[in-house]
Amino acid sequence: MDIFLLILGFCFACLGIIGSFLPILPGPITSWFGLLLLYLTKIIPIDYTFLGITLAIAVLIWVLDYFIPAMGTKRFGGTKYGVYGTTIGLLIGLFSPIPFGMLLGAFFGAFIGELLYDNKDTKRALKASFGAFIGFLASATIKFSIATVYVILFVLKFWEYKSEFF
């Protein structure tokens, strides 16, 4: 059972890294579940403080993830249309065969959303879409960093007790 929890936990931790770029999957929280599964094995002693702190960080990042792209769009003069366009563009870009489809989708989604709001002011729409793009990059970078740290913590803790697993 411990090996199953170890493998499942590692899959969750790695899935959290992928979730850092997918708007549907909460990256750091998914990686945290990987840590939780590791600590649920009989071999690794449970450290409630460690789990509590890492959970608090994951939840904080998850909450901020909803505000950072919107703050980027608003900071550069965007409206809620730009924020909605960013989200729709991310989803379309996710299934796009072109490289960096999500980044381009966020940019063009915000641009189109802003043009729907006011189709005469392309300069403002371009500026707002740039803000959405910057906000998405900032949010994805933060989530990716935290999820990667959680994977590293997972591997380090496993490595400390590896002889007891096998």
N, C-alpha and C. Protein backbone atom coordinates (compact mmCIF):
# COMPACT_ATOMS: atom_id res chain seq x y z
N MET A 1 0.82 -1.20 0.00
CA MET A 1 0.00 0.00 0.00
C MET A 1 0.87 1.27 0.00
N ASP A 2 2.01 1.19 0.70
CA ASP A 2 2.90 2.35 0.74
C ASP A 2 3.46 2.69 -0.63
N ILE A 3 3.78 1.66 -1.41
CA ILE A 3 4.30 1.90 -2.76
C ILE A 3 3.22 2.55 -3.62
N PHE A 4 1.99 2.10 -3.48
CA PHE A 4 0.88 2.70 -4.23
C PHE A 4 0.71 4.17 -3.87
N LEU A 5 0.74 4.49 -2.57
CA LEU A 5 0.63 5.88 -2.13
C LEU A 5 1.81 6.71 -2.61
N LEU A 6 2.99 6.11 -2.63
CA LEU A 6 4.18 6.80 -3.10
C LEU A 6 4.05 7.15 -4.59
N ILE A 7 3.65 6.19 -5.39
CA ILE A 7 3.50 6.42 -6.84
C ILE A 7 2.38 7.41 -7.11
N LEU A 8 1.24 7.24 -6.44
CA LEU A 8 0.12 8.16 -6.62
C LEU A 8 0.49 9.58 -6.17
N GLY A 9 1.20 9.67 -5.06
CA GLY A 9 1.64 10.98 -4.57
C GLY A 9 2.58 11.66 -5.54
N PHE A 10 3.50 10.89 -6.12
CA PHE A 10 4.43 11.48 -7.10
C PHE A 10 3.67 11.93 -8.35
N CYS A 11 2.68 11.15 -8.76
CA CYS A 11 1.86 11.55 -9.92
C CYS A 11 1.12 12.86 -9.63
N PHE A 12 0.57 12.99 -8.43
CA PHE A 12 -0.12 14.23 -8.06
C PHE A 12 0.86 15.40 -8.02
N ALA A 13 2.04 15.18 -7.48
CA ALA A 13 3.03 16.25 -7.40
C ALA A 13 3.41 16.73 -8.80
N CYS A 14 3.63 15.80 -9.72
CA CYS A 14 3.98 16.17 -11.10
C CYS A 14 2.79 16.78 -11.82
N LEU A 15 1.61 16.29 -11.56
CA LEU A 15 0.41 16.85 -12.16
C LEU A 15 0.21 18.30 -11.73
N GLY A 16 0.66 18.62 -10.54
CA GLY A 16 0.59 20.01 -10.06
C GLY A 16 1.43 20.95 -10.91
N ILE A 17 2.56 20.46 -11.39
CA ILE A 17 3.40 21.29 -12.27
C ILE A 17 2.65 21.56 -13.57
N ILE A 18 2.02 20.54 -14.12
CA ILE A 18 1.24 20.72 -15.34
C ILE A 18 0.07 21.65 -15.07
N GLY A 19 -0.54 21.50 -13.91
CA GLY A 19 -1.67 22.34 -13.53
C GLY A 19 -1.31 23.80 -13.33
N SER A 20 -0.03 24.09 -13.23
CA SER A 20 0.38 25.49 -13.11
C SER A 20 0.06 26.29 -14.36
N PHE A 21 -0.06 25.60 -15.48
CA PHE A 21 -0.32 26.28 -16.75
C PHE A 21 -1.74 26.06 -17.25
N LEU A 22 -2.45 25.11 -16.66
CA LEU A 22 -3.83 24.84 -17.06
C LEU A 22 -4.77 25.62 -16.15
N PRO A 23 -5.68 26.39 -16.73
CA PRO A 23 -6.56 27.20 -15.88
C PRO A 23 -7.59 26.37 -15.11
N ILE A 24 -7.74 25.11 -15.44
CA ILE A 24 -8.76 24.27 -14.82
C ILE A 24 -8.23 23.57 -13.57
N LEU A 25 -6.96 23.22 -13.57
CA LEU A 25 -6.37 22.41 -12.51
C LEU A 25 -5.55 23.29 -11.57
N PRO A 26 -5.85 23.29 -10.27
CA PRO A 26 -5.06 24.11 -9.34
C PRO A 26 -3.70 23.47 -9.06
N GLY A 27 -2.66 24.01 -9.65
CA GLY A 27 -1.33 23.40 -9.61
C GLY A 27 -0.77 23.15 -8.23
N PRO A 28 -0.52 24.20 -7.42
CA PRO A 28 0.10 23.96 -6.12
C PRO A 28 -0.75 23.10 -5.17
N ILE A 29 -2.05 23.22 -5.25
CA ILE A 29 -2.90 22.38 -4.39
C ILE A 29 -2.79 20.92 -4.80
N THR A 30 -2.74 20.67 -6.09
CA THR A 30 -2.59 19.29 -6.58
C THR A 30 -1.24 18.72 -6.13
N SER A 31 -0.19 19.53 -6.22
CA SER A 31 1.13 19.08 -5.74
C SER A 31 1.10 18.85 -4.23
N TRP A 32 0.35 19.67 -3.51
CA TRP A 32 0.26 19.48 -2.07
C TRP A 32 -0.40 18.13 -1.74
N PHE A 33 -1.40 17.74 -2.52
CA PHE A 33 -2.01 16.42 -2.29
C PHE A 33 -0.99 15.31 -2.49
N GLY A 34 -0.04 15.54 -3.39
CA GLY A 34 1.05 14.57 -3.54
C GLY A 34 1.87 14.47 -2.26
N LEU A 35 2.18 15.62 -1.65
CA LEU A 35 2.89 15.60 -0.37
C LEU A 35 2.07 14.91 0.71
N LEU A 36 0.78 15.19 0.74
CA LEU A 36 -0.08 14.56 1.74
C LEU A 36 -0.07 13.03 1.58
N LEU A 37 -0.17 12.57 0.34
CA LEU A 37 -0.15 11.12 0.11
C LEU A 37 1.18 10.51 0.55
N LEU A 38 2.28 11.23 0.36
CA LEU A 38 3.58 10.75 0.82
C LEU A 38 3.59 10.61 2.34
N TYR A 39 3.03 11.59 3.02
CA TYR A 39 3.02 11.55 4.48
C TYR A 39 1.99 10.56 5.03
N LEU A 40 1.07 10.10 4.21
CA LEU A 40 0.11 9.09 4.66
C LEU A 40 0.68 7.67 4.62
N THR A 41 1.86 7.51 4.05
CA THR A 41 2.49 6.20 4.09
C THR A 41 2.89 5.89 5.53
N LYS A 42 3.05 4.62 5.82
CA LYS A 42 3.42 4.22 7.17
C LYS A 42 4.88 4.52 7.48
N ILE A 43 5.67 4.70 6.45
CA ILE A 43 7.11 4.87 6.63
C ILE A 43 7.48 6.30 7.00
N ILE A 44 6.87 7.26 6.36
CA ILE A 44 7.21 8.67 6.59
C ILE A 44 6.38 9.19 7.77
N PRO A 45 7.03 9.71 8.80
CA PRO A 45 6.25 10.25 9.94
C PRO A 45 5.53 11.54 9.54
N ILE A 46 4.31 11.68 10.01
CA ILE A 46 3.50 12.85 9.67
C ILE A 46 4.02 14.07 10.42
N ASP A 47 4.22 15.14 9.67
CA ASP A 47 4.65 16.42 10.22
C ASP A 47 3.53 17.43 9.94
N TYR A 48 2.66 17.61 10.93
CA TYR A 48 1.48 18.45 10.75
C TYR A 48 1.85 19.91 10.48
N THR A 49 2.92 20.38 11.07
CA THR A 49 3.35 21.76 10.84
C THR A 49 3.75 21.96 9.38
N PHE A 50 4.56 21.04 8.88
CA PHE A 50 4.99 21.11 7.49
C PHE A 50 3.79 21.05 6.55
N LEU A 51 2.89 20.12 6.78
CA LEU A 51 1.71 20.00 5.92
C LEU A 51 0.81 21.22 6.02
N GLY A 52 0.68 21.78 7.20
CA GLY A 52 -0.15 22.97 7.39
C GLY A 52 0.41 24.19 6.68
N ILE A 53 1.72 24.38 6.79
CA ILE A 53 2.35 25.53 6.15
C ILE A 53 2.28 25.40 4.63
N THR A 54 2.60 24.22 4.12
CA THR A 54 2.55 24.03 2.66
C THR A 54 1.13 24.13 2.13
N LEU A 55 0.14 23.69 2.90
CA LEU A 55 -1.25 23.84 2.49
C LEU A 55 -1.65 25.32 2.48
N ALA A 56 -1.25 26.05 3.49
CA ALA A 56 -1.58 27.49 3.55
C ALA A 56 -0.98 28.23 2.35
N ILE A 57 0.24 27.89 1.98
CA ILE A 57 0.88 28.52 0.82
C ILE A 57 0.12 28.16 -0.45
N ALA A 58 -0.24 26.89 -0.60
CA ALA A 58 -0.95 26.44 -1.79
C ALA A 58 -2.31 27.13 -1.92
N VAL A 59 -3.03 27.26 -0.82
CA VAL A 59 -4.34 27.92 -0.85
C VAL A 59 -4.18 29.41 -1.15
N LEU A 60 -3.18 30.04 -0.55
CA LEU A 60 -2.92 31.45 -0.83
C LEU A 60 -2.63 31.68 -2.32
N ILE A 61 -1.80 30.86 -2.90
CA ILE A 61 -1.48 30.98 -4.32
C ILE A 61 -2.72 30.72 -5.17
N TRP A 62 -3.53 29.76 -4.76
CA TRP A 62 -4.76 29.45 -5.49
C TRP A 62 -5.71 30.66 -5.50
N VAL A 63 -5.83 31.33 -4.36
CA VAL A 63 -6.69 32.51 -4.27
C VAL A 63 -6.10 33.65 -5.10
N LEU A 64 -4.81 33.88 -4.96
CA LEU A 64 -4.16 34.96 -5.72
C LEU A 64 -4.24 34.73 -7.23
N ASP A 65 -4.31 33.48 -7.63
CA ASP A 65 -4.37 33.15 -9.05
C ASP A 65 -5.59 33.76 -9.73
N TYR A 66 -6.64 33.97 -8.97
CA TYR A 66 -7.84 34.58 -9.53
C TYR A 66 -7.73 36.10 -9.64
N PHE A 67 -6.80 36.68 -8.90
CA PHE A 67 -6.68 38.12 -8.89
C PHE A 67 -5.53 38.65 -9.74
N ILE A 68 -4.46 37.91 -9.87
CA ILE A 68 -3.26 38.41 -10.55
C ILE A 68 -3.52 38.75 -12.02
N PRO A 69 -4.11 37.84 -12.84
CA PRO A 69 -4.35 38.24 -14.24
C PRO A 69 -5.33 39.42 -14.34
N ALA A 70 -6.32 39.44 -13.49
CA ALA A 70 -7.27 40.55 -13.51
C ALA A 70 -6.59 41.85 -13.09
N MET A 71 -5.69 41.77 -12.12
CA MET A 71 -4.96 42.96 -11.70
C MET A 71 -4.07 43.46 -12.84
N GLY A 72 -3.45 42.53 -13.58
CA GLY A 72 -2.63 42.93 -14.72
C GLY A 72 -3.46 43.63 -15.78
N THR A 73 -4.65 43.07 -16.05
CA THR A 73 -5.52 43.68 -17.05
C THR A 73 -6.00 45.05 -16.59
N LYS A 74 -6.44 45.14 -15.34
CA LYS A 74 -6.93 46.42 -14.81
C LYS A 74 -5.81 47.46 -14.75
N ARG A 75 -4.63 47.01 -14.35
CA ARG A 75 -3.50 47.94 -14.22
C ARG A 75 -3.15 48.59 -15.56
N PHE A 76 -3.38 47.86 -16.63
CA PHE A 76 -3.07 48.39 -17.95
C PHE A 76 -4.32 48.95 -18.64
N GLY A 77 -5.36 49.22 -17.86
CA GLY A 77 -6.53 49.90 -18.39
C GLY A 77 -7.60 49.00 -18.97
N GLY A 78 -7.62 47.74 -18.62
CA GLY A 78 -8.60 46.80 -19.17
C GLY A 78 -9.90 46.77 -18.39
N THR A 79 -10.87 46.06 -18.95
CA THR A 79 -12.18 45.90 -18.33
C THR A 79 -12.44 44.42 -18.08
N LYS A 80 -13.62 44.12 -17.57
CA LYS A 80 -13.97 42.72 -17.34
C LYS A 80 -14.06 41.95 -18.65
N TYR A 81 -14.32 42.63 -19.74
CA TYR A 81 -14.34 41.96 -21.04
C TYR A 81 -12.95 41.41 -21.38
N GLY A 82 -11.93 42.16 -21.02
CA GLY A 82 -10.57 41.69 -21.24
C GLY A 82 -10.23 40.50 -20.37
N VAL A 83 -10.72 40.52 -19.13
CA VAL A 83 -10.49 39.40 -18.22
C VAL A 83 -11.19 38.15 -18.74
N TYR A 84 -12.45 38.29 -19.17
CA TYR A 84 -13.18 37.15 -19.74
C TYR A 84 -12.52 36.66 -21.01
N GLY A 85 -12.07 37.59 -21.84
CA GLY A 85 -11.38 37.22 -23.07
C GLY A 85 -10.10 36.46 -22.80
N THR A 86 -9.40 36.86 -21.75
CA THR A 86 -8.17 36.16 -21.37
C THR A 86 -8.48 34.71 -21.02
N THR A 87 -9.51 34.50 -20.22
CA THR A 87 -9.87 33.13 -19.82
C THR A 87 -10.29 32.30 -21.02
N ILE A 88 -11.12 32.85 -21.86
CA ILE A 88 -11.56 32.12 -23.05
C ILE A 88 -10.38 31.84 -23.97
N GLY A 89 -9.50 32.82 -24.13
CA GLY A 89 -8.32 32.63 -24.96
C GLY A 89 -7.39 31.56 -24.40
N LEU A 90 -7.27 31.50 -23.08
CA LEU A 90 -6.47 30.45 -22.46
C LEU A 90 -7.02 29.06 -22.78
N LEU A 91 -8.32 28.93 -22.67
CA LEU A 91 -8.94 27.63 -22.94
C LEU A 91 -8.79 27.24 -24.41
N ILE A 92 -8.99 28.19 -25.31
CA ILE A 92 -8.82 27.89 -26.73
C ILE A 92 -7.35 27.57 -27.03
N GLY A 93 -6.45 28.35 -26.44
CA GLY A 93 -5.03 28.12 -26.65
C GLY A 93 -4.54 26.80 -26.09
N LEU A 94 -5.23 26.31 -25.06
CA LEU A 94 -4.88 25.03 -24.46
C LEU A 94 -4.98 23.90 -25.47
N PHE A 95 -5.99 23.96 -26.33
CA PHE A 95 -6.20 22.90 -27.31
C PHE A 95 -5.62 23.24 -28.68
N SER A 96 -4.87 24.30 -28.74
CA SER A 96 -4.27 24.74 -29.98
C SER A 96 -3.04 23.91 -30.31
N PRO A 97 -2.83 23.56 -31.58
CA PRO A 97 -1.64 22.78 -31.94
C PRO A 97 -0.37 23.62 -32.03
N ILE A 98 -0.49 24.93 -31.99
CA ILE A 98 0.69 25.76 -32.13
C ILE A 98 1.43 25.87 -30.80
N PRO A 99 2.75 26.02 -30.85
CA PRO A 99 3.50 26.20 -29.60
C PRO A 99 3.08 27.50 -28.90
N PHE A 100 3.10 27.48 -27.62
CA PHE A 100 2.74 28.63 -26.79
C PHE A 100 1.31 29.11 -27.07
N GLY A 101 0.43 28.17 -27.38
CA GLY A 101 -0.96 28.51 -27.70
C GLY A 101 -1.67 29.19 -26.55
N MET A 102 -1.37 28.78 -25.32
CA MET A 102 -2.05 29.39 -24.18
C MET A 102 -1.62 30.84 -24.00
N LEU A 103 -0.34 31.12 -24.21
CA LEU A 103 0.13 32.50 -24.07
C LEU A 103 -0.48 33.39 -25.15
N LEU A 104 -0.47 32.90 -26.38
CA LEU A 104 -1.07 33.67 -27.46
C LEU A 104 -2.57 33.79 -27.28
N GLY A 105 -3.20 32.71 -26.79
CA GLY A 105 -4.64 32.74 -26.53
C GLY A 105 -5.00 33.77 -25.49
N ALA A 106 -4.19 33.86 -24.42
CA ALA A 106 -4.45 34.87 -23.38
C ALA A 106 -4.35 36.28 -23.96
N PHE A 107 -3.33 36.50 -24.75
CA PHE A 107 -3.12 37.82 -25.33
C PHE A 107 -4.25 38.19 -26.29
N PHE A 108 -4.52 37.32 -27.26
CA PHE A 108 -5.54 37.64 -28.26
C PHE A 108 -6.95 37.60 -27.68
N GLY A 109 -7.17 36.74 -26.68
CA GLY A 109 -8.47 36.72 -26.02
C GLY A 109 -8.77 38.04 -25.33
N ALA A 110 -7.78 38.57 -24.63
CA ALA A 110 -7.96 39.86 -23.96
C ALA A 110 -8.14 40.97 -25.00
N PHE A 111 -7.38 40.89 -26.08
CA PHE A 111 -7.49 41.91 -27.12
C PHE A 111 -8.88 41.92 -27.74
N ILE A 112 -9.37 40.74 -28.08
CA ILE A 112 -10.72 40.64 -28.68
C ILE A 112 -11.78 41.05 -27.68
N GLY A 113 -11.62 40.64 -26.41
CA GLY A 113 -12.58 41.05 -25.38
C GLY A 113 -12.64 42.55 -25.23
N GLU A 114 -11.49 43.19 -25.25
CA GLU A 114 -11.47 44.65 -25.13
C GLU A 114 -12.05 45.32 -26.37
N LEU A 115 -11.83 44.73 -27.54
CA LEU A 115 -12.42 45.29 -28.75
C LEU A 115 -13.94 45.14 -28.74
N LEU A 116 -14.43 44.07 -28.14
CA LEU A 116 -15.88 43.91 -28.01
C LEU A 116 -16.45 44.98 -27.09
N TYR A 117 -15.69 45.38 -26.10
CA TYR A 117 -16.14 46.43 -25.18
C TYR A 117 -16.16 47.78 -25.89
N ASP A 118 -15.09 48.08 -26.61
CA ASP A 118 -15.00 49.37 -27.31
C ASP A 118 -14.16 49.14 -28.57
N ASN A 119 -14.84 48.90 -29.69
CA ASN A 119 -14.12 48.53 -30.90
C ASN A 119 -13.39 49.69 -31.57
N LYS A 120 -13.49 50.88 -31.06
CA LYS A 120 -12.83 52.03 -31.67
C LYS A 120 -11.44 52.29 -31.09
N ASP A 121 -11.22 51.84 -29.87
CA ASP A 121 -9.97 52.15 -29.19
C ASP A 121 -9.03 50.94 -29.19
N THR A 122 -8.37 50.70 -30.31
CA THR A 122 -7.48 49.54 -30.41
C THR A 122 -6.21 49.72 -29.58
N LYS A 123 -5.77 50.95 -29.39
CA LYS A 123 -4.57 51.19 -28.59
C LYS A 123 -4.82 50.77 -27.13
N ARG A 124 -5.96 51.16 -26.58
CA ARG A 124 -6.30 50.76 -25.21
C ARG A 124 -6.48 49.25 -25.12
N ALA A 125 -7.11 48.65 -26.14
CA ALA A 125 -7.32 47.20 -26.15
C ALA A 125 -5.99 46.46 -26.19
N LEU A 126 -5.06 46.96 -26.96
CA LEU A 126 -3.74 46.35 -27.05
C LEU A 126 -3.00 46.46 -25.73
N LYS A 127 -3.10 47.62 -25.10
CA LYS A 127 -2.45 47.83 -23.80
C LYS A 127 -3.05 46.91 -22.74
N ALA A 128 -4.37 46.79 -22.72
CA ALA A 128 -5.03 45.92 -21.74
C ALA A 128 -4.69 44.46 -21.98
N SER A 129 -4.61 44.06 -23.25
CA SER A 129 -4.28 42.66 -23.54
C SER A 129 -2.84 42.37 -23.14
N PHE A 130 -1.96 43.35 -23.27
CA PHE A 130 -0.60 43.18 -22.79
C PHE A 130 -0.59 42.99 -21.27
N GLY A 131 -1.43 43.73 -20.57
CA GLY A 131 -1.55 43.57 -19.12
C GLY A 131 -2.07 42.20 -18.73
N ALA A 132 -3.04 41.69 -19.48
CA ALA A 132 -3.55 40.34 -19.21
C ALA A 132 -2.46 39.30 -19.45
N PHE A 133 -1.69 39.51 -20.49
CA PHE A 133 -0.58 38.61 -20.82
C PHE A 133 0.45 38.60 -19.70
N ILE A 134 0.83 39.78 -19.22
CA ILE A 134 1.79 39.89 -18.13
C ILE A 134 1.23 39.26 -16.85
N GLY A 135 -0.05 39.50 -16.58
CA GLY A 135 -0.69 38.91 -15.40
C GLY A 135 -0.71 37.40 -15.46
N PHE A 136 -1.01 36.85 -16.65
CA PHE A 136 -1.01 35.40 -16.80
C PHE A 136 0.39 34.84 -16.60
N LEU A 137 1.39 35.48 -17.18
CA LEU A 137 2.77 35.01 -17.01
C LEU A 137 3.20 35.05 -15.54
N ALA A 138 2.85 36.12 -14.86
CA ALA A 138 3.21 36.24 -13.44
C ALA A 138 2.54 35.15 -12.62
N SER A 139 1.26 34.94 -12.86
CA SER A 139 0.51 33.92 -12.13
C SER A 139 1.05 32.52 -12.40
N ALA A 140 1.30 32.22 -13.66
CA ALA A 140 1.82 30.89 -14.03
C ALA A 140 3.21 30.67 -13.45
N THR A 141 4.02 31.71 -13.43
CA THR A 141 5.37 31.58 -12.88
C THR A 141 5.33 31.30 -11.38
N ILE A 142 4.47 31.99 -10.67
CA ILE A 142 4.34 31.75 -9.23
C ILE A 142 3.85 30.33 -8.96
N LYS A 143 2.81 29.90 -9.68
CA LYS A 143 2.27 28.55 -9.47
C LYS A 143 3.29 27.49 -9.83
N PHE A 144 3.99 27.69 -10.95
CA PHE A 144 5.01 26.73 -11.37
C PHE A 144 6.12 26.63 -10.34
N SER A 145 6.55 27.75 -9.80
CA SER A 145 7.62 27.76 -8.80
C SER A 145 7.22 26.99 -7.55
N ILE A 146 6.03 27.26 -7.05
CA ILE A 146 5.57 26.57 -5.84
C ILE A 146 5.39 25.07 -6.09
N ALA A 147 4.78 24.71 -7.22
CA ALA A 147 4.58 23.29 -7.54
C ALA A 147 5.92 22.58 -7.70
N THR A 148 6.89 23.24 -8.29
CA THR A 148 8.22 22.64 -8.45
C THR A 148 8.89 22.45 -7.09
N VAL A 149 8.75 23.42 -6.21
CA VAL A 149 9.30 23.28 -4.85
C VAL A 149 8.65 22.10 -4.15
N TYR A 150 7.35 21.90 -4.33
CA TYR A 150 6.66 20.78 -3.69
C TYR A 150 7.15 19.45 -4.24
N VAL A 151 7.43 19.38 -5.53
CA VAL A 151 7.99 18.15 -6.11
C VAL A 151 9.38 17.90 -5.53
N ILE A 152 10.18 18.94 -5.40
CA ILE A 152 11.51 18.78 -4.82
C ILE A 152 11.42 18.33 -3.37
N LEU A 153 10.51 18.91 -2.61
CA LEU A 153 10.31 18.47 -1.22
C LEU A 153 9.87 17.01 -1.16
N PHE A 154 9.00 16.61 -2.08
CA PHE A 154 8.54 15.22 -2.16
C PHE A 154 9.74 14.30 -2.39
N VAL A 155 10.56 14.62 -3.37
CA VAL A 155 11.71 13.77 -3.71
C VAL A 155 12.71 13.73 -2.56
N LEU A 156 12.97 14.87 -1.93
CA LEU A 156 13.91 14.89 -0.81
C LEU A 156 13.42 14.04 0.36
N LYS A 157 12.15 14.14 0.67
CA LYS A 157 11.61 13.34 1.78
C LYS A 157 11.63 11.85 1.43
N PHE A 158 11.28 11.53 0.19
CA PHE A 158 11.36 10.13 -0.24
C PHE A 158 12.80 9.64 -0.16
N TRP A 159 13.74 10.45 -0.62
CA TRP A 159 15.14 10.04 -0.65
C TRP A 159 15.67 9.78 0.77
N GLU A 160 15.16 10.54 1.70
CA GLU A 160 15.56 10.36 3.10
C GLU A 160 15.14 8.99 3.63
N TYR A 161 14.00 8.49 3.18
CA TYR A 161 13.46 7.22 3.67
C TYR A 161 13.44 6.13 2.61
N LYS A 162 14.18 6.27 1.52
CA LYS A 162 14.09 5.35 0.39
C LYS A 162 14.44 3.92 0.76
N SER A 163 15.38 3.73 1.66
CA SER A 163 15.78 2.38 2.03
C SER A 163 14.66 1.62 2.73
N GLU A 164 13.76 2.33 3.36
CA GLU A 164 12.65 1.67 4.06
C GLU A 164 11.50 1.31 3.12
N PHE A 165 11.47 1.95 1.94
CA PHE A 165 10.43 1.62 0.97
C PHE A 165 10.76 0.34 0.22
N PHE A 166 12.03 0.14 -0.07
CA PHE A 166 12.39 -1.01 -0.92
C PHE A 166 13.25 -2.00 -0.18
